[in-house]
């Protein structure tokens, strides 16, 4: 969350729990499921294309890392 909060302060209206939920879903998705999840995240969180790219990029950059420990 720190990466998103630090680099994309315009997403501060979205709770940490919601970002984590969508980030986890993006980490787990592959192929068409990733495309579908990215669209779902963009729509549900009412993100611009740039914001959606930031969330997607950050999620995939952190997949599998224990960022809380």
PDB file of N, CA and C in Angstrom:
ATOM      1  N   UNK A   1       0.799  -1.183   0.000  1.00  0.00           N
ATOM      2  CA  UNK A   1       0.000   0.000   0.000  1.00  0.00           C
ATOM      3  C   UNK A   1       0.846   1.254   0.000  1.00  0.00           C
ATOM      4  N   UNK A   2       2.014   1.203   0.662  1.00  0.00           N
ATOM      5  CA  UNK A   2       2.838   2.397   0.712  1.00  0.00           C
ATOM      6  C   UNK A   2       3.229   2.864  -0.686  1.00  0.00           C
ATOM      7  N   UNK A   3       3.502   1.925  -1.583  1.00  0.00           N
ATOM      8  CA  UNK A   3       3.899   2.294  -2.940  1.00  0.00           C
ATOM      9  C   UNK A   3       2.781   3.051  -3.630  1.00  0.00           C
ATOM     10  N   UNK A   4       1.572   2.527  -3.540  1.00  0.00           N
ATOM     11  CA  UNK A   4       0.424   3.209  -4.146  1.00  0.00           C
ATOM     12  C   UNK A   4       0.212   4.558  -3.476  1.00  0.00           C
ATOM     13  N   UNK A   5       0.202   4.590  -2.175  1.00  0.00           N
ATOM     14  CA  UNK A   5      -0.069   5.834  -1.444  1.00  0.00           C
ATOM     15  C   UNK A   5       1.006   6.889  -1.721  1.00  0.00           C
ATOM     16  N   UNK A   6       2.249   6.456  -1.803  1.00  0.00           N
ATOM     17  CA  UNK A   6       3.360   7.381  -2.005  1.00  0.00           C
ATOM     18  C   UNK A   6       3.367   7.958  -3.422  1.00  0.00           C
ATOM     19  N   UNK A   7       3.155   7.108  -4.407  1.00  0.00           N
ATOM     20  CA  UNK A   7       3.300   7.533  -5.794  1.00  0.00           C
ATOM     21  C   UNK A   7       1.992   7.961  -6.466  1.00  0.00           C
ATOM     22  N   UNK A   8       0.873   7.577  -5.902  1.00  0.00           N
ATOM     23  CA  UNK A   8      -0.426   7.894  -6.501  1.00  0.00           C
ATOM     24  C   UNK A   8      -1.382   8.414  -5.439  1.00  0.00           C
ATOM     25  N   UNK A   9      -1.113   9.613  -4.915  1.00  0.00           N
ATOM     26  CA  UNK A   9      -1.967  10.155  -3.851  1.00  0.00           C
ATOM     27  C   UNK A   9      -3.409  10.406  -4.293  1.00  0.00           C
ATOM     28  N   UNK A  10      -3.646  10.444  -5.605  1.00  0.00           N
ATOM     29  CA  UNK A  10      -5.013  10.657  -6.082  1.00  0.00           C
ATOM     30  C   UNK A  10      -5.904   9.438  -5.845  1.00  0.00           C
ATOM     31  N   UNK A  11      -5.312   8.345  -5.376  1.00  0.00           N
ATOM     32  CA  UNK A  11      -6.092   7.147  -5.042  1.00  0.00           C
ATOM     33  C   UNK A  11      -6.429   7.083  -3.549  1.00  0.00           C
ATOM     34  N   UNK A  12      -6.186   8.173  -2.834  1.00  0.00           N
ATOM     35  CA  UNK A  12      -6.396   8.153  -1.387  1.00  0.00           C
ATOM     36  C   UNK A  12      -7.849   7.985  -0.971  1.00  0.00           C
ATOM     37  N   UNK A  13      -8.765   8.136  -1.907  1.00  0.00           N
ATOM     38  CA  UNK A  13     -10.187   7.945  -1.592  1.00  0.00           C
ATOM     39  C   UNK A  13     -10.587   6.466  -1.556  1.00  0.00           C
ATOM     40  N   UNK A  14      -9.661   5.597  -1.935  1.00  0.00           N
ATOM     41  CA  UNK A  14      -9.923   4.156  -1.940  1.00  0.00           C
ATOM     42  C   UNK A  14      -9.270   3.551  -0.698  1.00  0.00           C
ATOM     43  N   UNK A  15     -10.028   2.775   0.056  1.00  0.00           N
ATOM     44  CA  UNK A  15      -9.503   2.210   1.301  1.00  0.00           C
ATOM     45  C   UNK A  15      -8.406   1.187   1.029  1.00  0.00           C
ATOM     46  N   UNK A  16      -7.557   0.999   2.016  1.00  0.00           N
ATOM     47  CA  UNK A  16      -6.495  -0.003   1.913  1.00  0.00           C
ATOM     48  C   UNK A  16      -7.065  -1.388   1.647  1.00  0.00           C
ATOM     49  N   UNK A  17      -8.147  -1.736   2.349  1.00  0.00           N
ATOM     50  CA  UNK A  17      -8.740  -3.064   2.188  1.00  0.00           C
ATOM     51  C   UNK A  17      -9.198  -3.302   0.758  1.00  0.00           C
ATOM     52  N   UNK A  18      -9.803  -2.298   0.152  1.00  0.00           N
ATOM     53  CA  UNK A  18     -10.280  -2.439  -1.222  1.00  0.00           C
ATOM     54  C   UNK A  18      -9.097  -2.569  -2.177  1.00  0.00           C
ATOM     55  N   UNK A  19      -8.059  -1.760  -1.980  1.00  0.00           N
ATOM     56  CA  UNK A  19      -6.873  -1.864  -2.835  1.00  0.00           C
ATOM     57  C   UNK A  19      -6.201  -3.223  -2.696  1.00  0.00           C
ATOM     58  N   UNK A  20      -6.114  -3.722  -1.483  1.00  0.00           N
ATOM     59  CA  UNK A  20      -5.506  -5.040  -1.256  1.00  0.00           C
ATOM     60  C   UNK A  20      -6.329  -6.130  -1.936  1.00  0.00           C
ATOM     61  N   UNK A  21      -7.644  -6.059  -1.800  1.00  0.00           N
ATOM     62  CA  UNK A  21      -8.514  -7.056  -2.430  1.00  0.00           C
ATOM     63  C   UNK A  21      -8.318  -7.073  -3.942  1.00  0.00           C
ATOM     64  N   UNK A  22      -8.347  -5.906  -4.558  1.00  0.00           N
ATOM     65  CA  UNK A  22      -8.168  -5.835  -6.006  1.00  0.00           C
ATOM     66  C   UNK A  22      -6.732  -6.197  -6.396  1.00  0.00           C
ATOM     67  N   UNK A  23      -5.769  -5.762  -5.617  1.00  0.00           N
ATOM     68  CA  UNK A  23      -4.372  -6.109  -5.901  1.00  0.00           C
ATOM     69  C   UNK A  23      -4.143  -7.608  -5.863  1.00  0.00           C
ATOM     70  N   UNK A  24      -4.715  -8.269  -4.865  1.00  0.00           N
ATOM     71  CA  UNK A  24      -4.586  -9.725  -4.762  1.00  0.00           C
ATOM     72  C   UNK A  24      -5.238 -10.421  -5.949  1.00  0.00           C
ATOM     73  N   UNK A  25      -6.403  -9.936  -6.348  1.00  0.00           N
ATOM     74  CA  UNK A  25      -7.090 -10.528  -7.498  1.00  0.00           C
ATOM     75  C   UNK A  25      -6.257 -10.351  -8.767  1.00  0.00           C
ATOM     76  N   UNK A  26      -5.626  -9.196  -8.917  1.00  0.00           N
ATOM     77  CA  UNK A  26      -4.773  -8.962 -10.081  1.00  0.00           C
ATOM     78  C   UNK A  26      -3.534  -9.850 -10.048  1.00  0.00           C
ATOM     79  N   UNK A  27      -2.995 -10.107  -8.867  1.00  0.00           N
ATOM     80  CA  UNK A  27      -1.818 -10.976  -8.742  1.00  0.00           C
ATOM     81  C   UNK A  27      -2.133 -12.407  -9.168  1.00  0.00           C
ATOM     82  N   UNK A  28      -3.313 -12.854  -8.847  1.00  0.00           N
ATOM     83  CA  UNK A  28      -3.688 -14.245  -9.113  1.00  0.00           C
ATOM     84  C   UNK A  28      -4.126 -14.488 -10.548  1.00  0.00           C
ATOM     85  N   UNK A  29      -4.527 -13.457 -11.233  1.00  0.00           N
ATOM     86  CA  UNK A  29      -5.092 -13.613 -12.576  1.00  0.00           C
ATOM     87  C   UNK A  29      -4.004 -13.740 -13.639  1.00  0.00           C
ATOM     88  N   UNK A  30      -4.316 -14.537 -14.661  1.00  0.00           N
ATOM     89  CA  UNK A  30      -3.414 -14.727 -15.805  1.00  0.00           C
ATOM     90  C   UNK A  30      -4.254 -14.716 -17.075  1.00  0.00           C
ATOM     91  N   UNK A  31      -3.636 -14.340 -18.184  1.00  0.00           N
ATOM     92  CA  UNK A  31      -4.308 -14.391 -19.473  1.00  0.00           C
ATOM     93  C   UNK A  31      -5.555 -13.533 -19.509  1.00  0.00           C
ATOM     94  N   UNK A  32      -6.613 -14.092 -20.066  1.00  0.00           N
ATOM     95  CA  UNK A  32      -7.874 -13.352 -20.199  1.00  0.00           C
ATOM     96  C   UNK A  32      -8.440 -12.970 -18.842  1.00  0.00           C
ATOM     97  N   UNK A  33      -8.211 -13.795 -17.836  1.00  0.00           N
ATOM     98  CA  UNK A  33      -8.700 -13.467 -16.491  1.00  0.00           C
ATOM     99  C   UNK A  33      -8.046 -12.186 -15.975  1.00  0.00           C
ATOM    100  N   UNK A  34      -6.801 -11.951 -16.350  1.00  0.00           N
ATOM    101  CA  UNK A  34      -6.122 -10.719 -15.947  1.00  0.00           C
ATOM    102  C   UNK A  34      -6.761  -9.514 -16.629  1.00  0.00           C
ATOM    103  N   UNK A  35      -7.047  -9.643 -17.907  1.00  0.00           N
ATOM    104  CA  UNK A  35      -7.713  -8.565 -18.644  1.00  0.00           C
ATOM    105  C   UNK A  35      -9.071  -8.266 -18.008  1.00  0.00           C
ATOM    106  N   UNK A  36      -9.826  -9.320 -17.730  1.00  0.00           N
ATOM    107  CA  UNK A  36     -11.148  -9.155 -17.131  1.00  0.00           C
ATOM    108  C   UNK A  36     -11.061  -8.508 -15.753  1.00  0.00           C
ATOM    109  N   UNK A  37     -10.089  -8.945 -14.947  1.00  0.00           N
ATOM    110  CA  UNK A  37      -9.930  -8.381 -13.603  1.00  0.00           C
ATOM    111  C   UNK A  37      -9.491  -6.926 -13.679  1.00  0.00           C
ATOM    112  N   UNK A  38      -8.626  -6.587 -14.608  1.00  0.00           N
ATOM    113  CA  UNK A  38      -8.184  -5.200 -14.760  1.00  0.00           C
ATOM    114  C   UNK A  38      -9.367  -4.304 -15.118  1.00  0.00           C
ATOM    115  N   UNK A  39     -10.231  -4.778 -16.008  1.00  0.00           N
ATOM    116  CA  UNK A  39     -11.434  -4.018 -16.377  1.00  0.00           C
ATOM    117  C   UNK A  39     -12.361  -3.871 -15.174  1.00  0.00           C
ATOM    118  N   UNK A  40     -12.521  -4.955 -14.421  1.00  0.00           N
ATOM    119  CA  UNK A  40     -13.390  -4.933 -13.247  1.00  0.00           C
ATOM    120  C   UNK A  40     -12.853  -3.947 -12.204  1.00  0.00           C
ATOM    121  N   UNK A  41     -11.554  -3.993 -11.975  1.00  0.00           N
ATOM    122  CA  UNK A  41     -10.936  -3.083 -11.012  1.00  0.00           C
ATOM    123  C   UNK A  41     -11.137  -1.635 -11.445  1.00  0.00           C
ATOM    124  N   UNK A  42     -10.879  -1.362 -12.716  1.00  0.00           N
ATOM    125  CA  UNK A  42     -11.035   0.003 -13.227  1.00  0.00           C
ATOM    126  C   UNK A  42     -12.472   0.487 -13.039  1.00  0.00           C
ATOM    127  N   UNK A  43     -13.423  -0.367 -13.371  1.00  0.00           N
ATOM    128  CA  UNK A  43     -14.836   0.016 -13.276  1.00  0.00           C
ATOM    129  C   UNK A  43     -15.282   0.166 -11.824  1.00  0.00           C
ATOM    130  N   UNK A  44     -15.013  -0.836 -11.000  1.00  0.00           N
ATOM    131  CA  UNK A  44     -15.493  -0.810  -9.614  1.00  0.00           C
ATOM    132  C   UNK A  44     -14.871   0.321  -8.802  1.00  0.00           C
ATOM    133  N   UNK A  45     -13.605   0.627  -9.081  1.00  0.00           N
ATOM    134  CA  UNK A  45     -12.935   1.681  -8.318  1.00  0.00           C
ATOM    135  C   UNK A  45     -13.039   3.044  -8.997  1.00  0.00           C
ATOM    136  N   UNK A  46     -13.722   3.067 -10.151  1.00  0.00           N
ATOM    137  CA  UNK A  46     -13.911   4.294 -10.912  1.00  0.00           C
ATOM    138  C   UNK A  46     -12.575   4.995 -11.186  1.00  0.00           C
ATOM    139  N   UNK A  47     -11.652   4.240 -11.785  1.00  0.00           N
ATOM    140  CA  UNK A  47     -10.308   4.724 -12.061  1.00  0.00           C
ATOM    141  C   UNK A  47     -10.181   5.232 -13.489  1.00  0.00           C
ATOM    142  N   UNK A  48      -9.285   6.170 -13.678  1.00  0.00           N
ATOM    143  CA  UNK A  48      -8.906   6.573 -15.029  1.00  0.00           C
ATOM    144  C   UNK A  48      -7.989   5.478 -15.581  1.00  0.00           C
ATOM    145  N   UNK A  49      -7.700   5.538 -16.844  1.00  0.00           N
ATOM    146  CA  UNK A  49      -6.782   4.571 -17.428  1.00  0.00           C
ATOM    147  C   UNK A  49      -5.414   4.613 -16.767  1.00  0.00           C
ATOM    148  N   UNK A  50      -4.924   5.809 -16.493  1.00  0.00           N
ATOM    149  CA  UNK A  50      -3.622   5.978 -15.842  1.00  0.00           C
ATOM    150  C   UNK A  50      -3.626   5.382 -14.430  1.00  0.00           C
ATOM    151  N   UNK A  51      -4.701   5.626 -13.689  1.00  0.00           N
ATOM    152  CA  UNK A  51      -4.800   5.084 -12.331  1.00  0.00           C
ATOM    153  C   UNK A  51      -4.883   3.560 -12.365  1.00  0.00           C
ATOM    154  N   UNK A  52      -5.664   3.021 -13.295  1.00  0.00           N
ATOM    155  CA  UNK A  52      -5.793   1.569 -13.405  1.00  0.00           C
ATOM    156  C   UNK A  52      -4.444   0.944 -13.744  1.00  0.00           C
ATOM    157  N   UNK A  53      -3.688   1.570 -14.615  1.00  0.00           N
ATOM    158  CA  UNK A  53      -2.354   1.069 -14.962  1.00  0.00           C
ATOM    159  C   UNK A  53      -1.439   1.077 -13.746  1.00  0.00           C
ATOM    160  N   UNK A  54      -1.557   2.112 -12.931  1.00  0.00           N
ATOM    161  CA  UNK A  54      -0.739   2.203 -11.720  1.00  0.00           C
ATOM    162  C   UNK A  54      -1.057   1.070 -10.759  1.00  0.00           C
ATOM    163  N   UNK A  55      -2.341   0.802 -10.553  1.00  0.00           N
ATOM    164  CA  UNK A  55      -2.751  -0.274  -9.650  1.00  0.00           C
ATOM    165  C   UNK A  55      -2.285  -1.619 -10.200  1.00  0.00           C
ATOM    166  N   UNK A  56      -2.500  -1.845 -11.491  1.00  0.00           N
ATOM    167  CA  UNK A  56      -2.092  -3.100 -12.114  1.00  0.00           C
ATOM    168  C   UNK A  56      -0.580  -3.286 -12.025  1.00  0.00           C
ATOM    169  N   UNK A  57       0.168  -2.263 -12.376  1.00  0.00           N
ATOM    170  CA  UNK A  57       1.627  -2.358 -12.343  1.00  0.00           C
ATOM    171  C   UNK A  57       2.161  -2.587 -10.947  1.00  0.00           C
ATOM    172  N   UNK A  58       1.610  -1.880  -9.996  1.00  0.00           N
ATOM    173  CA  UNK A  58       2.054  -2.041  -8.613  1.00  0.00           C
ATOM    174  C   UNK A  58       1.712  -3.428  -8.094  1.00  0.00           C
ATOM    175  N   UNK A  59       0.501  -3.884  -8.370  1.00  0.00           N
ATOM    176  CA  UNK A  59       0.087  -5.220  -7.920  1.00  0.00           C
ATOM    177  C   UNK A  59       1.029  -6.279  -8.482  1.00  0.00           C
ATOM    178  N   UNK A  60       1.280  -6.235  -9.765  1.00  0.00           N
ATOM    179  CA  UNK A  60       2.139  -7.255 -10.366  1.00  0.00           C
ATOM    180  C   UNK A  60       3.587  -7.123  -9.937  1.00  0.00           C
ATOM    181  N   UNK A  61       4.020  -5.909  -9.648  1.00  0.00           N
ATOM    182  CA  UNK A  61       5.377  -5.715  -9.154  1.00  0.00           C
ATOM    183  C   UNK A  61       5.584  -6.265  -7.759  1.00  0.00           C
ATOM    184  N   UNK A  62       4.516  -6.343  -6.994  1.00  0.00           N
ATOM    185  CA  UNK A  62       4.594  -6.809  -5.611  1.00  0.00           C
ATOM    186  C   UNK A  62       4.058  -8.211  -5.399  1.00  0.00           C
ATOM    187  N   UNK A  63       3.550  -8.850  -6.437  1.00  0.00           N
ATOM    188  CA  UNK A  63       2.992 -10.207  -6.295  1.00  0.00           C
ATOM    189  C   UNK A  63       4.004 -11.153  -5.667  1.00  0.00           C
ATOM    190  N   UNK A  64       3.541 -11.873  -4.676  1.00  0.00           N
ATOM    191  CA  UNK A  64       4.384 -12.882  -4.031  1.00  0.00           C
ATOM    192  C   UNK A  64       5.330 -12.326  -2.984  1.00  0.00           C
ATOM    193  N   UNK A  65       5.378 -11.029  -2.823  1.00  0.00           N
ATOM    194  CA  UNK A  65       6.243 -10.444  -1.806  1.00  0.00           C
ATOM    195  C   UNK A  65       5.438 -10.166  -0.549  1.00  0.00           C
ATOM    196  N   UNK A  66       6.045 -10.373   0.574  1.00  0.00           N
ATOM    197  CA  UNK A  66       5.397 -10.065   1.842  1.00  0.00           C
ATOM    198  C   UNK A  66       5.672  -8.604   2.156  1.00  0.00           C
ATOM    199  N   UNK A  67       4.798  -7.718   1.694  1.00  0.00           N
ATOM    200  CA  UNK A  67       5.026  -6.292   1.875  1.00  0.00           C
ATOM    201  C   UNK A  67       4.595  -5.804   3.256  1.00  0.00           C
ATOM    202  N   UNK A  68       4.030  -6.688   4.046  1.00  0.00           N
ATOM    203  CA  UNK A  68       3.575  -6.282   5.381  1.00  0.00           C
ATOM    204  C   UNK A  68       4.500  -6.786   6.481  1.00  0.00           C
ATOM    205  N   UNK A  69       5.496  -7.566   6.124  1.00  0.00           N
ATOM    206  CA  UNK A  69       6.317  -8.184   7.161  1.00  0.00           C
ATOM    207  C   UNK A  69       7.681  -7.670   7.305  1.00  0.00           C
TER     208      UNK A  69
END
